[in-house]
Amino acid sequence: MGFFKESGGTTSNKSIARLQTLIWVLIYGGLLTLVLGLSVQRTHDPLGWSMVVVGGIVAAIGFSLIYVRSRLTPGD
């Protein structure tokens, strides 16, 4: 893309793109699992709460990786 600065760093644009993809997969997957856990909770309480907790943890990992990504530059 023409509006990005080119740099000769060690972190490639491909690895940053993979990290960004992983971030969004974790966020959306975690939130989807959390919402499905809330709906499953109506019929099977322990399974529903387990899904809510796991989904929340996965989404939180995705959100924390946003901070990690903000600290990376293509030269790091």
N, C-alpha and C. Protein backbone atom coordinates (compact mmCIF):
# COMPACT_ATOMS: atom_id res chain seq x y z
N MET A 1 0.84 -1.17 0.00
CA MET A 1 0.00 0.00 0.00
C MET A 1 0.89 1.23 0.00
N GLY A 2 0.53 2.18 -0.76
CA GLY A 2 1.35 3.34 -0.97
C GLY A 2 1.43 4.29 0.20
N PHE A 3 0.48 4.28 1.10
CA PHE A 3 0.49 5.25 2.18
C PHE A 3 1.20 4.76 3.43
N PHE A 4 1.70 3.53 3.44
CA PHE A 4 2.48 3.03 4.56
C PHE A 4 3.95 3.32 4.31
N LYS A 5 4.68 3.64 5.38
CA LYS A 5 6.11 3.86 5.26
C LYS A 5 6.82 2.52 5.14
N GLU A 6 7.74 2.47 4.24
CA GLU A 6 8.55 1.27 4.09
C GLU A 6 9.64 1.29 5.15
N SER A 7 9.94 0.15 5.71
CA SER A 7 11.03 0.09 6.68
C SER A 7 11.78 -1.21 6.47
N GLY A 8 13.02 -1.19 6.84
CA GLY A 8 13.86 -2.37 6.68
C GLY A 8 14.04 -3.11 7.99
N GLY A 9 13.02 -3.17 8.80
CA GLY A 9 13.12 -3.79 10.11
C GLY A 9 13.07 -5.30 10.07
N THR A 10 13.13 -5.90 11.25
CA THR A 10 13.15 -7.35 11.34
C THR A 10 11.75 -7.95 11.43
N THR A 11 10.77 -7.22 11.95
CA THR A 11 9.41 -7.73 12.02
C THR A 11 8.74 -7.47 10.68
N SER A 12 8.33 -8.54 10.03
CA SER A 12 7.77 -8.37 8.69
C SER A 12 6.31 -7.96 8.77
N ASN A 13 5.86 -7.40 7.68
CA ASN A 13 4.46 -7.02 7.59
C ASN A 13 3.55 -8.25 7.64
N LYS A 14 4.06 -9.40 7.17
CA LYS A 14 3.26 -10.62 7.22
C LYS A 14 3.01 -11.07 8.65
N SER A 15 4.02 -10.97 9.51
CA SER A 15 3.82 -11.40 10.89
C SER A 15 2.87 -10.44 11.62
N ILE A 16 2.94 -9.16 11.31
CA ILE A 16 2.00 -8.22 11.90
C ILE A 16 0.59 -8.49 11.40
N ALA A 17 0.46 -8.82 10.13
CA ALA A 17 -0.86 -9.13 9.58
C ALA A 17 -1.43 -10.40 10.21
N ARG A 18 -0.57 -11.39 10.47
CA ARG A 18 -1.02 -12.61 11.15
C ARG A 18 -1.48 -12.31 12.57
N LEU A 19 -0.75 -11.43 13.25
CA LEU A 19 -1.13 -11.05 14.61
C LEU A 19 -2.48 -10.34 14.60
N GLN A 20 -2.68 -9.45 13.65
CA GLN A 20 -3.96 -8.76 13.56
C GLN A 20 -5.10 -9.73 13.28
N THR A 21 -4.85 -10.71 12.42
CA THR A 21 -5.87 -11.72 12.15
C THR A 21 -6.17 -12.53 13.41
N LEU A 22 -5.13 -12.92 14.13
CA LEU A 22 -5.31 -13.67 15.38
C LEU A 22 -6.10 -12.85 16.39
N ILE A 23 -5.83 -11.56 16.47
CA ILE A 23 -6.54 -10.69 17.41
C ILE A 23 -8.04 -10.73 17.12
N TRP A 24 -8.41 -10.52 15.87
CA TRP A 24 -9.84 -10.48 15.55
C TRP A 24 -10.51 -11.83 15.69
N VAL A 25 -9.80 -12.90 15.38
CA VAL A 25 -10.37 -14.24 15.58
C VAL A 25 -10.63 -14.49 17.06
N LEU A 26 -9.68 -14.11 17.90
CA LEU A 26 -9.86 -14.30 19.34
C LEU A 26 -11.01 -13.46 19.88
N ILE A 27 -11.09 -12.20 19.45
CA ILE A 27 -12.15 -11.33 19.95
C ILE A 27 -13.52 -11.84 19.51
N TYR A 28 -13.69 -12.06 18.22
CA TYR A 28 -15.01 -12.49 17.74
C TYR A 28 -15.36 -13.89 18.21
N GLY A 29 -14.37 -14.80 18.22
CA GLY A 29 -14.63 -16.15 18.71
C GLY A 29 -14.98 -16.17 20.19
N GLY A 30 -14.28 -15.37 20.97
CA GLY A 30 -14.56 -15.30 22.40
C GLY A 30 -15.92 -14.72 22.69
N LEU A 31 -16.26 -13.64 21.98
CA LEU A 31 -17.58 -13.04 22.21
C LEU A 31 -18.71 -13.95 21.75
N LEU A 32 -18.50 -14.66 20.64
CA LEU A 32 -19.51 -15.61 20.17
C LEU A 32 -19.69 -16.73 21.18
N THR A 33 -18.60 -17.25 21.71
CA THR A 33 -18.69 -18.31 22.71
C THR A 33 -19.39 -17.81 23.98
N LEU A 34 -19.09 -16.57 24.36
CA LEU A 34 -19.73 -15.98 25.53
C LEU A 34 -21.24 -15.88 25.34
N VAL A 35 -21.67 -15.40 24.19
CA VAL A 35 -23.11 -15.26 23.94
C VAL A 35 -23.78 -16.63 23.84
N LEU A 36 -23.13 -17.57 23.18
CA LEU A 36 -23.70 -18.92 23.12
C LEU A 36 -23.78 -19.54 24.51
N GLY A 37 -22.80 -19.26 25.35
CA GLY A 37 -22.84 -19.75 26.72
C GLY A 37 -24.02 -19.19 27.50
N LEU A 38 -24.34 -17.92 27.25
CA LEU A 38 -25.50 -17.33 27.91
C LEU A 38 -26.80 -18.01 27.48
N SER A 39 -26.87 -18.38 26.21
CA SER A 39 -28.10 -19.06 25.75
C SER A 39 -28.14 -20.52 26.21
N VAL A 40 -26.99 -21.18 26.29
CA VAL A 40 -26.95 -22.58 26.75
C VAL A 40 -27.23 -22.64 28.25
N GLN A 41 -26.91 -21.58 28.94
CA GLN A 41 -27.08 -21.54 30.40
C GLN A 41 -28.53 -21.77 30.81
N ARG A 42 -29.46 -21.43 29.96
CA ARG A 42 -30.89 -21.63 30.28
C ARG A 42 -31.25 -23.10 30.43
N THR A 43 -30.56 -23.96 29.67
CA THR A 43 -30.89 -25.39 29.74
C THR A 43 -29.89 -26.20 30.56
N HIS A 44 -28.63 -25.80 30.53
CA HIS A 44 -27.59 -26.55 31.25
C HIS A 44 -26.66 -25.54 31.91
N ASP A 45 -26.92 -25.26 33.17
CA ASP A 45 -26.25 -24.18 33.87
C ASP A 45 -24.72 -24.32 33.94
N PRO A 46 -24.17 -25.46 34.35
CA PRO A 46 -22.70 -25.53 34.45
C PRO A 46 -21.99 -25.38 33.10
N LEU A 47 -22.54 -25.99 32.08
CA LEU A 47 -21.94 -25.87 30.75
C LEU A 47 -22.02 -24.43 30.25
N GLY A 48 -23.14 -23.77 30.49
CA GLY A 48 -23.31 -22.39 30.07
C GLY A 48 -22.31 -21.47 30.73
N TRP A 49 -22.14 -21.62 32.04
CA TRP A 49 -21.19 -20.76 32.74
C TRP A 49 -19.76 -21.05 32.30
N SER A 50 -19.45 -22.30 32.02
CA SER A 50 -18.12 -22.64 31.52
C SER A 50 -17.85 -21.95 30.19
N MET A 51 -18.84 -21.97 29.31
CA MET A 51 -18.68 -21.31 28.02
C MET A 51 -18.54 -19.80 28.17
N VAL A 52 -19.29 -19.21 29.10
CA VAL A 52 -19.20 -17.78 29.34
C VAL A 52 -17.80 -17.41 29.83
N VAL A 53 -17.27 -18.18 30.77
CA VAL A 53 -15.95 -17.89 31.33
C VAL A 53 -14.87 -18.06 30.27
N VAL A 54 -14.91 -19.17 29.53
CA VAL A 54 -13.90 -19.41 28.50
C VAL A 54 -13.99 -18.33 27.41
N GLY A 55 -15.19 -18.01 26.99
CA GLY A 55 -15.35 -16.97 25.97
C GLY A 55 -14.86 -15.62 26.44
N GLY A 56 -15.11 -15.28 27.69
CA GLY A 56 -14.63 -14.02 28.23
C GLY A 56 -13.12 -13.96 28.31
N ILE A 57 -12.50 -15.08 28.69
CA ILE A 57 -11.04 -15.13 28.78
C ILE A 57 -10.42 -15.00 27.39
N VAL A 58 -10.98 -15.70 26.41
CA VAL A 58 -10.45 -15.65 25.05
C VAL A 58 -10.59 -14.24 24.48
N ALA A 59 -11.74 -13.61 24.69
CA ALA A 59 -11.93 -12.24 24.21
C ALA A 59 -10.98 -11.28 24.92
N ALA A 60 -10.75 -11.47 26.20
CA ALA A 60 -9.83 -10.61 26.94
C ALA A 60 -8.40 -10.76 26.42
N ILE A 61 -8.01 -11.96 26.05
CA ILE A 61 -6.69 -12.16 25.45
C ILE A 61 -6.60 -11.41 24.13
N GLY A 62 -7.66 -11.47 23.34
CA GLY A 62 -7.67 -10.72 22.08
C GLY A 62 -7.57 -9.23 22.30
N PHE A 63 -8.29 -8.72 23.29
CA PHE A 63 -8.22 -7.29 23.58
C PHE A 63 -6.84 -6.89 24.09
N SER A 64 -6.21 -7.75 24.88
CA SER A 64 -4.88 -7.41 25.38
C SER A 64 -3.84 -7.46 24.26
N LEU A 65 -4.06 -8.30 23.25
CA LEU A 65 -3.14 -8.34 22.12
C LEU A 65 -3.23 -7.08 21.27
N ILE A 66 -4.33 -6.34 21.37
CA ILE A 66 -4.41 -5.06 20.68
C ILE A 66 -3.34 -4.12 21.23
N TYR A 67 -3.15 -4.14 22.54
CA TYR A 67 -2.09 -3.32 23.14
C TYR A 67 -0.72 -3.77 22.65
N VAL A 68 -0.51 -5.08 22.60
CA VAL A 68 0.77 -5.59 22.12
C VAL A 68 1.01 -5.14 20.69
N ARG A 69 -0.02 -5.22 19.86
CA ARG A 69 0.11 -4.81 18.47
C ARG A 69 0.39 -3.32 18.35
N SER A 70 -0.17 -2.51 19.25
CA SER A 70 0.07 -1.08 19.17
C SER A 70 1.51 -0.73 19.50
N ARG A 71 2.20 -1.58 20.20
CA ARG A 71 3.59 -1.35 20.56
C ARG A 71 4.56 -1.86 19.49
N LEU A 72 4.09 -2.68 18.56
CA LEU A 72 4.96 -3.21 17.51
C LEU A 72 5.04 -2.23 16.35
N THR A 73 6.21 -2.14 15.80
CA THR A 73 6.39 -1.40 14.55
C THR A 73 7.05 -2.37 13.59
N PRO A 74 6.92 -2.12 12.32
CA PRO A 74 7.57 -3.03 11.37
C PRO A 74 9.08 -3.13 11.56
N GLY A 75 9.67 -2.24 12.32
CA GLY A 75 11.11 -2.28 12.55
C GLY A 75 11.52 -3.02 13.81
N ASP A 76 10.56 -3.45 14.68
CA ASP A 76 10.89 -4.13 15.94
C ASP A 76 11.29 -5.57 15.69
